[in-house]
N, C-alpha and C. Protein backbone atom coordinates (compact mmCIF):
# COMPACT_ATOMS: atom_id res chain seq x y z
N MET A 1 133.60 103.22 121.47
CA MET A 1 132.35 102.45 121.38
C MET A 1 132.13 101.69 122.68
N ASN A 2 130.92 101.75 123.25
CA ASN A 2 130.63 100.97 124.43
C ASN A 2 129.26 100.34 124.31
N THR A 3 128.96 99.46 125.27
CA THR A 3 127.71 98.70 125.22
C THR A 3 126.50 99.60 125.28
N LEU A 4 126.55 100.66 126.09
CA LEU A 4 125.41 101.55 126.23
C LEU A 4 125.03 102.20 124.89
N ARG A 5 126.03 102.62 124.13
CA ARG A 5 125.76 103.22 122.83
C ARG A 5 125.13 102.21 121.88
N ILE A 6 125.64 100.99 121.89
CA ILE A 6 125.08 99.94 121.01
C ILE A 6 123.62 99.68 121.35
N VAL A 7 123.33 99.57 122.66
CA VAL A 7 121.95 99.31 123.09
C VAL A 7 121.05 100.49 122.71
N ALA A 8 121.56 101.70 122.86
CA ALA A 8 120.75 102.89 122.55
C ALA A 8 120.38 102.93 121.06
N PHE A 9 121.37 102.72 120.20
CA PHE A 9 121.08 102.75 118.76
C PHE A 9 120.23 101.55 118.33
N LEU A 10 120.45 100.40 118.96
CA LEU A 10 119.63 99.24 118.64
C LEU A 10 118.17 99.50 119.01
N PHE A 11 117.94 100.16 120.12
CA PHE A 11 116.58 100.53 120.53
C PHE A 11 115.95 101.48 119.52
N ILE A 12 116.73 102.45 119.06
CA ILE A 12 116.23 103.39 118.04
C ILE A 12 115.86 102.65 116.76
N TYR A 13 116.70 101.73 116.34
CA TYR A 13 116.43 100.97 115.11
C TYR A 13 115.20 100.09 115.25
N VAL A 14 115.05 99.46 116.43
CA VAL A 14 113.86 98.62 116.67
C VAL A 14 112.60 99.47 116.62
N THR A 15 112.66 100.66 117.22
CA THR A 15 111.50 101.55 117.22
C THR A 15 111.14 101.98 115.81
N ILE A 16 112.14 102.35 115.02
CA ILE A 16 111.91 102.76 113.64
C ILE A 16 111.29 101.60 112.84
N THR A 17 111.85 100.42 113.01
CA THR A 17 111.34 99.25 112.29
C THR A 17 109.91 98.93 112.69
N PHE A 18 109.62 99.00 113.97
CA PHE A 18 108.27 98.73 114.47
C PHE A 18 107.26 99.70 113.87
N LEU A 19 107.59 100.99 113.89
CA LEU A 19 106.68 102.00 113.34
C LEU A 19 106.51 101.83 111.83
N TRP A 20 107.59 101.46 111.15
CA TRP A 20 107.51 101.27 109.71
C TRP A 20 106.62 100.07 109.34
N LEU A 21 106.76 98.98 110.08
CA LEU A 21 105.95 97.79 109.81
C LEU A 21 104.48 98.06 110.09
N LEU A 22 104.20 98.87 111.10
CA LEU A 22 102.81 99.27 111.36
C LEU A 22 102.27 100.13 110.23
N TYR A 23 103.08 101.08 109.79
CA TYR A 23 102.66 101.94 108.68
C TYR A 23 102.40 101.13 107.42
N ASP A 24 103.24 100.14 107.18
CA ASP A 24 103.12 99.31 105.99
C ASP A 24 101.80 98.56 105.97
N ARG A 25 101.25 98.27 107.15
CA ARG A 25 99.98 97.55 107.23
C ARG A 25 98.78 98.48 107.28
N ARG A 26 99.00 99.80 107.33
CA ARG A 26 97.96 100.82 107.26
C ARG A 26 96.89 100.65 108.36
N ASN A 27 97.26 100.03 109.48
CA ASN A 27 96.29 99.83 110.55
C ASN A 27 97.01 99.95 111.89
N ILE A 28 97.49 101.14 112.17
CA ILE A 28 98.42 101.36 113.28
C ILE A 28 97.79 101.09 114.64
N PHE A 29 96.50 101.40 114.81
CA PHE A 29 95.91 101.36 116.13
C PHE A 29 95.18 100.05 116.44
N ASP A 30 95.35 99.06 115.61
CA ASP A 30 94.71 97.77 115.85
C ASP A 30 95.65 96.87 116.66
N ARG A 31 95.18 96.38 117.81
CA ARG A 31 96.06 95.60 118.69
C ARG A 31 96.48 94.28 118.06
N HIS A 32 95.64 93.71 117.20
CA HIS A 32 96.02 92.47 116.52
C HIS A 32 97.18 92.71 115.56
N THR A 33 97.17 93.87 114.90
CA THR A 33 98.27 94.22 113.99
C THR A 33 99.56 94.42 114.77
N VAL A 34 99.46 95.08 115.92
CA VAL A 34 100.65 95.29 116.77
C VAL A 34 101.24 93.96 117.20
N ARG A 35 100.38 93.04 117.61
CA ARG A 35 100.85 91.71 118.04
C ARG A 35 101.50 90.96 116.88
N GLU A 36 100.91 91.10 115.70
CA GLU A 36 101.46 90.43 114.53
C GLU A 36 102.84 90.98 114.17
N VAL A 37 102.98 92.31 114.24
CA VAL A 37 104.26 92.95 113.91
C VAL A 37 105.35 92.52 114.88
N LEU A 38 105.02 92.43 116.16
CA LEU A 38 106.01 92.06 117.17
C LEU A 38 106.51 90.62 117.00
N GLN A 39 105.75 89.82 116.27
CA GLN A 39 106.15 88.42 116.05
C GLN A 39 106.93 88.22 114.76
N LEU A 40 107.08 89.29 113.97
CA LEU A 40 107.80 89.17 112.71
C LEU A 40 109.31 89.13 112.94
N PRO A 41 110.03 88.28 112.21
CA PRO A 41 111.50 88.25 112.33
C PRO A 41 112.14 89.59 111.97
N ALA A 42 111.50 90.34 111.07
CA ALA A 42 112.07 91.61 110.62
C ALA A 42 112.21 92.62 111.75
N ILE A 43 111.41 92.48 112.81
CA ILE A 43 111.47 93.42 113.92
C ILE A 43 112.84 93.41 114.59
N TRP A 44 113.56 92.29 114.44
CA TRP A 44 114.91 92.19 115.01
C TRP A 44 115.99 92.12 113.93
N VAL A 45 115.68 91.48 112.81
CA VAL A 45 116.69 91.31 111.76
C VAL A 45 117.10 92.66 111.17
N PHE A 46 116.13 93.50 110.85
CA PHE A 46 116.45 94.78 110.23
C PHE A 46 117.23 95.70 111.16
N PRO A 47 116.86 95.83 112.45
CA PRO A 47 117.67 96.66 113.35
C PRO A 47 119.11 96.18 113.49
N ILE A 48 119.30 94.86 113.58
CA ILE A 48 120.66 94.32 113.68
C ILE A 48 121.44 94.62 112.41
N LEU A 49 120.77 94.50 111.26
CA LEU A 49 121.41 94.79 109.99
C LEU A 49 121.84 96.26 109.93
N MET A 50 120.95 97.17 110.36
CA MET A 50 121.28 98.59 110.36
C MET A 50 122.45 98.88 111.30
N LEU A 51 122.47 98.21 112.46
CA LEU A 51 123.56 98.41 113.40
C LEU A 51 124.89 97.97 112.79
N ILE A 52 124.87 96.83 112.08
CA ILE A 52 126.09 96.33 111.44
C ILE A 52 126.56 97.29 110.34
N VAL A 53 125.62 97.80 109.54
CA VAL A 53 125.98 98.76 108.50
C VAL A 53 126.60 100.01 109.12
N GLY A 54 126.00 100.46 110.24
CA GLY A 54 126.56 101.61 110.93
C GLY A 54 127.97 101.35 111.43
N LEU A 55 128.23 100.13 111.92
CA LEU A 55 129.57 99.77 112.38
C LEU A 55 130.57 99.77 111.22
N LEU A 56 130.13 99.25 110.07
CA LEU A 56 131.01 99.24 108.90
C LEU A 56 131.33 100.66 108.45
N LEU A 57 130.33 101.53 108.49
CA LEU A 57 130.56 102.93 108.11
C LEU A 57 131.51 103.60 109.10
N SER A 58 131.36 103.28 110.38
CA SER A 58 132.25 103.87 111.38
C SER A 58 133.69 103.42 111.16
N GLN A 59 133.87 102.16 110.78
CA GLN A 59 135.21 101.68 110.49
C GLN A 59 135.79 102.37 109.25
N LEU A 60 134.90 102.65 108.29
CA LEU A 60 135.34 103.35 107.09
C LEU A 60 135.78 104.77 107.43
N TYR A 61 135.00 105.45 108.29
CA TYR A 61 135.39 106.78 108.73
C TYR A 61 136.72 106.75 109.45
N SER A 62 136.88 105.75 110.30
CA SER A 62 138.12 105.64 111.07
C SER A 62 139.32 105.39 110.15
N TYR A 63 139.09 104.59 109.10
CA TYR A 63 140.18 104.24 108.18
C TYR A 63 140.71 105.48 107.46
N PHE A 64 139.77 106.34 107.06
CA PHE A 64 140.20 107.55 106.35
C PHE A 64 140.51 108.70 107.31
N LYS A 65 140.43 108.42 108.62
CA LYS A 65 140.79 109.39 109.66
C LYS A 65 139.97 110.67 109.57
N LYS A 66 138.71 110.52 109.20
CA LYS A 66 137.84 111.70 109.19
C LYS A 66 137.34 112.01 110.59
N THR A 67 137.36 111.03 111.46
CA THR A 67 137.06 111.23 112.87
C THR A 67 138.04 110.42 113.67
N LYS A 68 138.15 110.78 114.93
CA LYS A 68 139.10 110.05 115.76
C LYS A 68 138.39 109.28 116.88
N ASN A 69 137.63 110.00 117.68
CA ASN A 69 137.04 109.36 118.86
C ASN A 69 135.56 109.03 118.69
N LYS A 70 134.90 109.69 117.75
CA LYS A 70 133.44 109.52 117.65
C LYS A 70 133.05 108.78 116.37
N TYR A 71 133.92 107.93 115.90
CA TYR A 71 133.61 107.25 114.64
C TYR A 71 132.38 106.36 114.75
N PHE A 72 132.15 105.76 115.94
CA PHE A 72 130.97 104.89 116.11
C PHE A 72 129.69 105.70 115.92
N ILE A 73 129.59 106.83 116.59
CA ILE A 73 128.38 107.65 116.52
C ILE A 73 128.18 108.18 115.10
N TRP A 74 129.25 108.62 114.43
CA TRP A 74 129.12 109.12 113.07
C TRP A 74 128.63 108.03 112.11
N GLY A 75 129.11 106.82 112.30
CA GLY A 75 128.66 105.71 111.45
C GLY A 75 127.19 105.42 111.63
N GLN A 76 126.74 105.40 112.90
CA GLN A 76 125.33 105.12 113.17
C GLN A 76 124.44 106.27 112.70
N LEU A 77 124.91 107.51 112.90
CA LEU A 77 124.11 108.65 112.45
C LEU A 77 123.98 108.67 110.93
N THR A 78 125.05 108.26 110.23
CA THR A 78 124.98 108.16 108.77
C THR A 78 123.95 107.12 108.35
N CYS A 79 123.96 106.00 109.04
CA CYS A 79 122.98 104.94 108.74
C CYS A 79 121.56 105.41 109.03
N LEU A 80 121.37 106.09 110.16
CA LEU A 80 120.04 106.61 110.52
C LEU A 80 119.56 107.62 109.48
N THR A 81 120.45 108.50 109.05
CA THR A 81 120.07 109.51 108.06
C THR A 81 119.67 108.86 106.74
N SER A 82 120.41 107.84 106.33
CA SER A 82 120.10 107.14 105.08
C SER A 82 118.73 106.46 105.18
N VAL A 83 118.48 105.81 106.30
CA VAL A 83 117.18 105.14 106.49
C VAL A 83 116.06 106.17 106.53
N PHE A 84 116.30 107.30 107.20
CA PHE A 84 115.29 108.36 107.29
C PHE A 84 114.90 108.87 105.90
N PHE A 85 115.89 109.16 105.06
CA PHE A 85 115.59 109.66 103.72
C PHE A 85 114.90 108.59 102.86
N PHE A 86 115.28 107.32 103.08
CA PHE A 86 114.62 106.24 102.35
C PHE A 86 113.15 106.15 102.73
N PHE A 87 112.85 106.27 104.03
CA PHE A 87 111.46 106.22 104.49
C PHE A 87 110.67 107.43 103.98
N ILE A 88 111.30 108.61 103.98
CA ILE A 88 110.62 109.80 103.47
C ILE A 88 110.29 109.63 101.99
N TYR A 89 111.24 109.09 101.24
CA TYR A 89 111.01 108.85 99.81
C TYR A 89 109.87 107.86 99.60
N THR A 90 109.87 106.78 100.39
CA THR A 90 108.80 105.77 100.27
C THR A 90 107.46 106.36 100.65
N PHE A 91 107.43 107.17 101.71
CA PHE A 91 106.18 107.78 102.15
C PHE A 91 105.61 108.71 101.08
N ILE A 92 106.47 109.52 100.47
CA ILE A 92 106.01 110.43 99.42
C ILE A 92 105.53 109.65 98.20
N SER A 93 106.24 108.57 97.86
CA SER A 93 105.83 107.74 96.73
C SER A 93 104.48 107.10 96.99
N ASP A 94 104.27 106.61 98.22
CA ASP A 94 102.98 106.02 98.58
C ASP A 94 101.87 107.06 98.52
N TRP A 95 102.17 108.26 99.00
CA TRP A 95 101.17 109.33 98.99
C TRP A 95 100.77 109.69 97.56
N GLN A 96 101.76 109.79 96.68
CA GLN A 96 101.47 110.12 95.29
C GLN A 96 100.68 109.01 94.61
N HIS A 97 101.06 107.75 94.91
CA HIS A 97 100.34 106.61 94.33
C HIS A 97 98.89 106.59 94.82
N ASP A 98 98.71 106.82 96.12
CA ASP A 98 97.36 106.80 96.69
C ASP A 98 96.51 107.93 96.10
N LYS A 99 97.14 109.07 95.86
CA LYS A 99 96.42 110.20 95.28
C LYS A 99 95.94 109.89 93.88
N GLN A 100 96.74 109.16 93.12
CA GLN A 100 96.41 108.86 91.73
C GLN A 100 95.53 107.61 91.58
N PHE A 101 95.75 106.60 92.45
CA PHE A 101 95.07 105.31 92.26
C PHE A 101 94.41 104.75 93.52
N GLY A 102 94.52 105.46 94.65
CA GLY A 102 94.03 104.92 95.92
C GLY A 102 92.56 104.57 95.91
N ASN A 103 91.71 105.48 95.45
CA ASN A 103 90.28 105.21 95.41
C ASN A 103 89.95 104.06 94.47
N PHE A 104 90.57 104.07 93.30
CA PHE A 104 90.32 103.01 92.31
C PHE A 104 90.67 101.64 92.88
N GLU A 105 91.83 101.52 93.54
CA GLU A 105 92.25 100.24 94.09
C GLU A 105 91.36 99.83 95.25
N ASN A 106 90.98 100.78 96.10
CA ASN A 106 90.08 100.49 97.21
C ASN A 106 88.73 99.99 96.70
N ASN A 107 88.21 100.66 95.68
CA ASN A 107 86.92 100.27 95.13
C ASN A 107 86.95 98.88 94.53
N ARG A 108 88.03 98.56 93.82
CA ARG A 108 88.13 97.26 93.17
C ARG A 108 88.25 96.12 94.19
N VAL A 109 88.90 96.40 95.32
CA VAL A 109 88.99 95.39 96.38
C VAL A 109 87.63 95.17 97.03
N ASN A 110 86.96 96.27 97.39
CA ASN A 110 85.65 96.16 98.04
C ASN A 110 84.59 95.61 97.11
N ARG A 111 84.79 95.77 95.83
CA ARG A 111 83.83 95.27 94.84
C ARG A 111 83.56 93.78 95.00
N ASP A 112 84.55 93.05 95.44
CA ASP A 112 84.44 91.58 95.53
C ASP A 112 83.93 91.10 96.88
N ASN A 113 83.61 92.02 97.80
CA ASN A 113 83.16 91.62 99.14
C ASN A 113 81.67 91.32 99.14
N THR A 114 81.34 90.07 99.31
CA THR A 114 79.94 89.65 99.40
C THR A 114 79.80 88.60 100.49
N PHE A 115 78.59 88.45 101.03
CA PHE A 115 78.35 87.42 102.04
C PHE A 115 78.48 86.03 101.43
N PHE A 116 78.01 85.90 100.21
CA PHE A 116 78.05 84.61 99.53
C PHE A 116 78.86 84.74 98.23
N GLN A 117 79.74 83.79 98.01
CA GLN A 117 80.62 83.86 96.85
C GLN A 117 79.85 83.84 95.54
N THR A 118 78.70 83.20 95.54
CA THR A 118 77.90 83.13 94.31
C THR A 118 77.34 84.49 93.90
N ASP A 119 77.33 85.45 94.85
CA ASP A 119 76.81 86.78 94.53
C ASP A 119 77.89 87.71 93.97
N THR A 120 79.14 87.30 94.06
CA THR A 120 80.24 88.20 93.70
C THR A 120 80.19 88.65 92.26
N ALA A 121 79.95 87.72 91.34
CA ALA A 121 79.94 88.06 89.91
C ALA A 121 78.86 89.10 89.60
N TYR A 122 77.71 89.01 90.28
CA TYR A 122 76.63 89.96 90.04
C TYR A 122 76.96 91.33 90.64
N GLN A 123 77.60 91.32 91.81
CA GLN A 123 77.98 92.60 92.41
C GLN A 123 79.04 93.30 91.57
N ILE A 124 79.94 92.52 90.97
CA ILE A 124 80.95 93.10 90.09
C ILE A 124 80.28 93.78 88.89
N LYS A 125 79.26 93.14 88.33
CA LYS A 125 78.54 93.74 87.22
C LYS A 125 77.89 95.06 87.64
N ALA A 126 77.31 95.06 88.84
CA ALA A 126 76.67 96.28 89.35
C ALA A 126 77.72 97.37 89.57
N TYR A 127 78.85 96.99 90.15
CA TYR A 127 79.90 97.99 90.38
C TYR A 127 80.44 98.54 89.07
N ASP A 128 80.66 97.67 88.08
CA ASP A 128 81.17 98.12 86.78
C ASP A 128 80.21 99.12 86.15
N ALA A 129 78.90 98.89 86.36
CA ALA A 129 77.92 99.84 85.83
C ALA A 129 78.03 101.18 86.55
N LEU A 130 78.24 101.14 87.87
CA LEU A 130 78.44 102.38 88.63
C LEU A 130 79.70 103.09 88.18
N GLU A 131 80.78 102.37 88.05
CA GLU A 131 82.07 102.95 87.67
C GLU A 131 82.02 103.59 86.29
N SER A 132 81.20 103.05 85.41
CA SER A 132 81.13 103.56 84.04
C SER A 132 80.58 104.99 83.98
N ASN A 133 79.98 105.46 85.09
CA ASN A 133 79.45 106.82 85.12
C ASN A 133 80.53 107.87 85.38
N PHE A 134 81.74 107.42 85.68
CA PHE A 134 82.81 108.34 86.03
C PHE A 134 83.95 108.22 85.03
N SER A 135 84.28 109.31 84.38
CA SER A 135 85.39 109.28 83.42
C SER A 135 86.71 109.07 84.15
N ASP A 136 86.83 109.62 85.36
CA ASP A 136 88.00 109.40 86.20
C ASP A 136 87.65 108.34 87.24
N LYS A 137 88.20 107.14 87.10
CA LYS A 137 87.85 106.03 87.97
C LYS A 137 88.35 106.23 89.40
N ASN A 138 89.20 107.23 89.60
CA ASN A 138 89.73 107.51 90.94
C ASN A 138 89.01 108.68 91.60
N SER A 139 87.96 109.17 90.97
CA SER A 139 87.29 110.38 91.45
C SER A 139 86.25 110.11 92.53
N PHE A 140 85.99 108.84 92.84
CA PHE A 140 85.03 108.51 93.89
C PHE A 140 85.58 107.34 94.71
N ARG A 141 85.10 107.23 95.95
CA ARG A 141 85.59 106.19 96.85
C ARG A 141 84.42 105.48 97.52
N ILE A 142 84.37 104.16 97.37
CA ILE A 142 83.34 103.35 98.00
C ILE A 142 83.60 103.28 99.50
N THR A 143 82.59 103.59 100.31
CA THR A 143 82.72 103.49 101.76
C THR A 143 81.88 102.35 102.34
N ASP A 144 80.91 101.88 101.59
CA ASP A 144 80.09 100.75 102.04
C ASP A 144 79.36 100.17 100.84
N LEU A 145 79.11 98.88 100.88
CA LEU A 145 78.33 98.24 99.83
C LEU A 145 77.75 96.95 100.37
N PHE A 146 76.61 96.56 99.85
CA PHE A 146 75.95 95.33 100.30
C PHE A 146 75.00 94.87 99.21
N SER A 147 74.68 93.59 99.26
CA SER A 147 73.87 92.98 98.20
C SER A 147 72.76 92.14 98.79
N ASP A 148 71.77 91.89 97.97
CA ASP A 148 70.66 91.01 98.33
C ASP A 148 70.16 90.37 97.05
N LYS A 149 69.29 89.41 97.18
CA LYS A 149 68.70 88.78 95.99
C LYS A 149 67.29 88.34 96.30
N LYS A 150 66.47 88.31 95.25
CA LYS A 150 65.10 87.87 95.42
C LYS A 150 64.60 87.29 94.10
N ASP A 151 63.61 86.44 94.20
CA ASP A 151 63.02 85.83 93.02
C ASP A 151 61.94 86.74 92.45
N THR A 152 61.92 86.87 91.15
CA THR A 152 60.92 87.69 90.48
C THR A 152 60.53 87.03 89.17
N VAL A 153 59.42 87.43 88.62
CA VAL A 153 58.94 86.86 87.36
C VAL A 153 59.14 87.87 86.25
N ILE A 154 59.93 87.48 85.22
CA ILE A 154 60.18 88.33 84.08
C ILE A 154 59.80 87.56 82.82
N ASN A 155 58.87 88.12 82.07
CA ASN A 155 58.37 87.45 80.85
C ASN A 155 57.87 86.05 81.18
N SER A 156 57.11 85.96 82.27
CA SER A 156 56.49 84.69 82.71
C SER A 156 57.52 83.64 83.12
N VAL A 157 58.77 84.08 83.35
CA VAL A 157 59.83 83.15 83.76
C VAL A 157 60.35 83.56 85.13
N LEU A 158 60.41 82.58 86.05
CA LEU A 158 60.94 82.86 87.38
C LEU A 158 62.44 83.13 87.28
N THR A 159 62.86 84.32 87.71
CA THR A 159 64.25 84.75 87.58
C THR A 159 64.75 85.28 88.92
N GLN A 160 65.98 84.95 89.23
CA GLN A 160 66.58 85.47 90.46
C GLN A 160 67.25 86.80 90.16
N MET A 161 66.87 87.82 90.90
CA MET A 161 67.42 89.16 90.71
C MET A 161 68.38 89.48 91.85
N HIS A 162 69.54 89.99 91.51
CA HIS A 162 70.54 90.42 92.49
C HIS A 162 70.52 91.94 92.58
N ILE A 163 70.52 92.44 93.81
CA ILE A 163 70.44 93.88 94.05
C ILE A 163 71.67 94.32 94.83
N SER A 164 72.30 95.39 94.38
CA SER A 164 73.50 95.92 95.04
C SER A 164 73.30 97.39 95.37
N TRP A 165 73.68 97.74 96.59
CA TRP A 165 73.67 99.13 97.04
C TRP A 165 75.10 99.58 97.28
N PHE A 166 75.41 100.82 96.92
CA PHE A 166 76.75 101.37 97.10
C PHE A 166 76.67 102.72 97.81
N GLU A 167 77.54 102.89 98.79
CA GLU A 167 77.71 104.20 99.43
C GLU A 167 79.09 104.71 99.07
N TYR A 168 79.20 105.97 98.71
CA TYR A 168 80.48 106.51 98.24
C TYR A 168 80.48 108.02 98.38
N TYR A 169 81.64 108.60 98.17
CA TYR A 169 81.74 110.06 98.11
C TYR A 169 82.63 110.44 96.94
N LEU A 170 82.48 111.66 96.46
CA LEU A 170 83.29 112.19 95.38
C LEU A 170 84.47 112.96 95.96
N ASN A 171 85.60 112.92 95.28
CA ASN A 171 86.78 113.63 95.76
C ASN A 171 86.51 115.13 95.96
N LYS A 172 85.69 115.70 95.11
CA LYS A 172 85.43 117.13 95.20
C LYS A 172 84.51 117.47 96.37
N GLU A 173 83.78 116.47 96.91
CA GLU A 173 82.92 116.68 98.08
C GLU A 173 83.06 115.50 99.03
N PRO A 174 84.19 115.38 99.72
CA PRO A 174 84.46 114.20 100.55
C PRO A 174 83.55 114.07 101.77
N ASN A 175 82.88 115.15 102.15
CA ASN A 175 82.01 115.09 103.34
C ASN A 175 80.55 114.82 102.99
N LYS A 176 80.25 114.68 101.72
CA LYS A 176 78.88 114.41 101.29
C LYS A 176 78.80 112.98 100.77
N PHE A 177 78.07 112.12 101.47
CA PHE A 177 77.97 110.72 101.08
C PHE A 177 76.77 110.51 100.17
N LEU A 178 77.04 109.78 99.09
CA LEU A 178 76.03 109.49 98.08
C LEU A 178 75.77 107.99 98.04
N CYS A 179 74.72 107.60 97.35
CA CYS A 179 74.42 106.17 97.23
C CYS A 179 73.85 105.87 95.86
N ALA A 180 73.95 104.60 95.49
CA ALA A 180 73.43 104.13 94.21
C ALA A 180 72.89 102.72 94.40
N LYS A 181 71.95 102.36 93.56
CA LYS A 181 71.32 101.04 93.63
C LYS A 181 71.21 100.46 92.23
N TYR A 182 71.62 99.19 92.11
CA TYR A 182 71.56 98.50 90.82
C TYR A 182 70.92 97.14 91.00
N ARG A 183 70.12 96.77 90.02
CA ARG A 183 69.53 95.43 89.95
C ARG A 183 70.14 94.67 88.78
N VAL A 184 70.51 93.43 89.02
CA VAL A 184 71.17 92.62 88.00
C VAL A 184 70.43 91.29 87.87
N PHE A 185 70.07 90.96 86.64
CA PHE A 185 69.53 89.62 86.36
C PHE A 185 70.04 89.19 84.99
N ASN A 186 70.61 87.99 84.98
CA ASN A 186 71.29 87.49 83.78
C ASN A 186 72.39 88.49 83.40
N ASP A 187 72.35 89.03 82.18
CA ASP A 187 73.36 89.99 81.76
C ASP A 187 72.81 91.42 81.73
N THR A 188 71.66 91.62 82.33
CA THR A 188 71.02 92.94 82.31
C THR A 188 71.26 93.66 83.64
N VAL A 189 71.67 94.93 83.57
CA VAL A 189 71.92 95.74 84.76
C VAL A 189 71.02 96.98 84.68
N ILE A 190 70.23 97.18 85.73
CA ILE A 190 69.30 98.30 85.77
C ILE A 190 69.66 99.19 86.95
N ASN A 191 69.75 100.50 86.68
CA ASN A 191 70.04 101.46 87.74
C ASN A 191 68.73 102.04 88.29
N ASP A 192 68.55 101.96 89.61
CA ASP A 192 67.36 102.55 90.23
C ASP A 192 67.61 103.99 90.66
N TYR A 193 68.79 104.26 91.18
CA TYR A 193 69.16 105.65 91.50
C TYR A 193 70.68 105.76 91.56
N LEU A 194 71.16 106.98 91.35
CA LEU A 194 72.60 107.24 91.27
C LEU A 194 72.88 108.62 91.86
N ASN A 195 74.00 108.75 92.61
CA ASN A 195 74.38 110.02 93.22
C ASN A 195 73.27 110.60 94.09
N SER A 196 72.57 109.70 94.77
CA SER A 196 71.50 110.13 95.66
C SER A 196 72.07 110.43 97.05
N ASP A 197 71.59 111.50 97.66
CA ASP A 197 72.06 111.89 98.99
C ASP A 197 71.65 110.82 100.01
N VAL A 198 72.64 110.27 100.72
CA VAL A 198 72.37 109.20 101.68
C VAL A 198 71.38 109.65 102.75
N ARG A 199 71.49 110.89 103.19
CA ARG A 199 70.64 111.38 104.28
C ARG A 199 69.17 111.41 103.89
N LEU A 200 68.89 111.49 102.59
CA LEU A 200 67.51 111.63 102.14
C LEU A 200 66.95 110.37 101.51
N ASN A 201 67.76 109.33 101.38
CA ASN A 201 67.32 108.13 100.68
C ASN A 201 66.83 107.08 101.67
N LEU A 202 65.52 106.93 101.79
CA LEU A 202 64.94 106.00 102.75
C LEU A 202 65.23 104.55 102.40
N ASP A 203 65.20 104.23 101.11
CA ASP A 203 65.45 102.84 100.68
C ASP A 203 66.86 102.40 101.08
N PHE A 204 67.84 103.25 100.82
CA PHE A 204 69.21 102.89 101.14
C PHE A 204 69.41 102.74 102.65
N ASN A 205 68.90 103.69 103.42
CA ASN A 205 69.08 103.65 104.87
C ASN A 205 68.38 102.46 105.51
N LYS A 206 67.25 102.05 104.93
CA LYS A 206 66.56 100.87 105.43
C LYS A 206 67.40 99.61 105.21
N ARG A 207 67.97 99.48 104.03
CA ARG A 207 68.79 98.31 103.72
C ARG A 207 70.09 98.31 104.52
N LYS A 208 70.66 99.50 104.73
CA LYS A 208 71.90 99.58 105.49
C LYS A 208 71.67 99.22 106.95
N ALA A 209 70.57 99.66 107.51
CA ALA A 209 70.24 99.31 108.89
C ALA A 209 70.05 97.80 109.03
N TYR A 210 69.42 97.19 108.03
CA TYR A 210 69.23 95.74 108.05
C TYR A 210 70.57 95.01 107.98
N LYS A 211 71.46 95.50 107.11
CA LYS A 211 72.79 94.88 106.99
C LYS A 211 73.58 95.02 108.28
N ASP A 212 73.52 96.20 108.90
CA ASP A 212 74.26 96.43 110.15
C ASP A 212 73.75 95.52 111.27
N SER A 213 72.45 95.29 111.30
CA SER A 213 71.90 94.40 112.32
C SER A 213 72.36 92.96 112.10
N LEU A 214 72.48 92.54 110.84
CA LEU A 214 72.98 91.20 110.55
C LEU A 214 74.44 91.06 110.98
N LEU A 215 75.25 92.09 110.72
CA LEU A 215 76.65 92.04 111.10
C LEU A 215 76.81 91.97 112.61
N LYS A 216 75.98 92.71 113.35
CA LYS A 216 76.05 92.66 114.81
C LYS A 216 75.67 91.27 115.31
N PHE A 217 74.70 90.66 114.66
CA PHE A 217 74.28 89.32 115.06
C PHE A 217 75.40 88.31 114.81
N VAL A 218 76.06 88.41 113.65
CA VAL A 218 77.16 87.51 113.33
C VAL A 218 78.32 87.71 114.30
N ASP A 219 78.61 88.99 114.64
CA ASP A 219 79.70 89.26 115.59
C ASP A 219 79.38 88.68 116.97
N SER A 220 78.12 88.72 117.35
CA SER A 220 77.74 88.18 118.66
C SER A 220 77.92 86.67 118.72
N LEU A 221 77.79 86.01 117.57
CA LEU A 221 78.00 84.55 117.53
C LEU A 221 79.46 84.20 117.69
N ASP A 222 80.36 85.10 117.24
CA ASP A 222 81.80 84.82 117.32
C ASP A 222 82.36 85.08 118.70
N GLU A 223 81.62 85.84 119.53
CA GLU A 223 82.13 86.15 120.87
C GLU A 223 81.98 84.97 121.84
């Protein structure tokens, strides 16, 4: 065992840990995520732990005389192999989970995204109405959604109406984007259109362009 070997394996462990922490955050190419990962204690704690486990395994190999001169390398390679299979198992488990529940979980998270917190409850009602059209709640994935509200008169009473637009695609046609629009007032939910082709829906594209312009304006204020 020499210092060069220790440094080499420590570098390998740090690299593995770094890539794993990036994968865990599902945002590998974002520089803010990279900076955040580099500041985590785990980026150093886990590699050192793996190196120590490898050293213990090498001592175990040496004790039983299964190797003579290369016990250090065999211990570290055993540790690397164990970590590799653990990561492969985790990756496959994540893939299976995402296949079964990924769209459903994504949709439920995005369901609560509104500019104003007071609009959230109404958007949830609109989303629940959209979701009720699908027997398989994981069969569609929300890619964009936005809300608005306006005052209207219903039965001679001034009522505030909340409007929600949803963009999504179906698993069976992932390259075809659809849209839906719901109006909510009190406990009543009205559907204006459902499974409409985004490319042909002027109402949806008009509202989306308006929303995008607002987001650009807000981003310009933060710069």
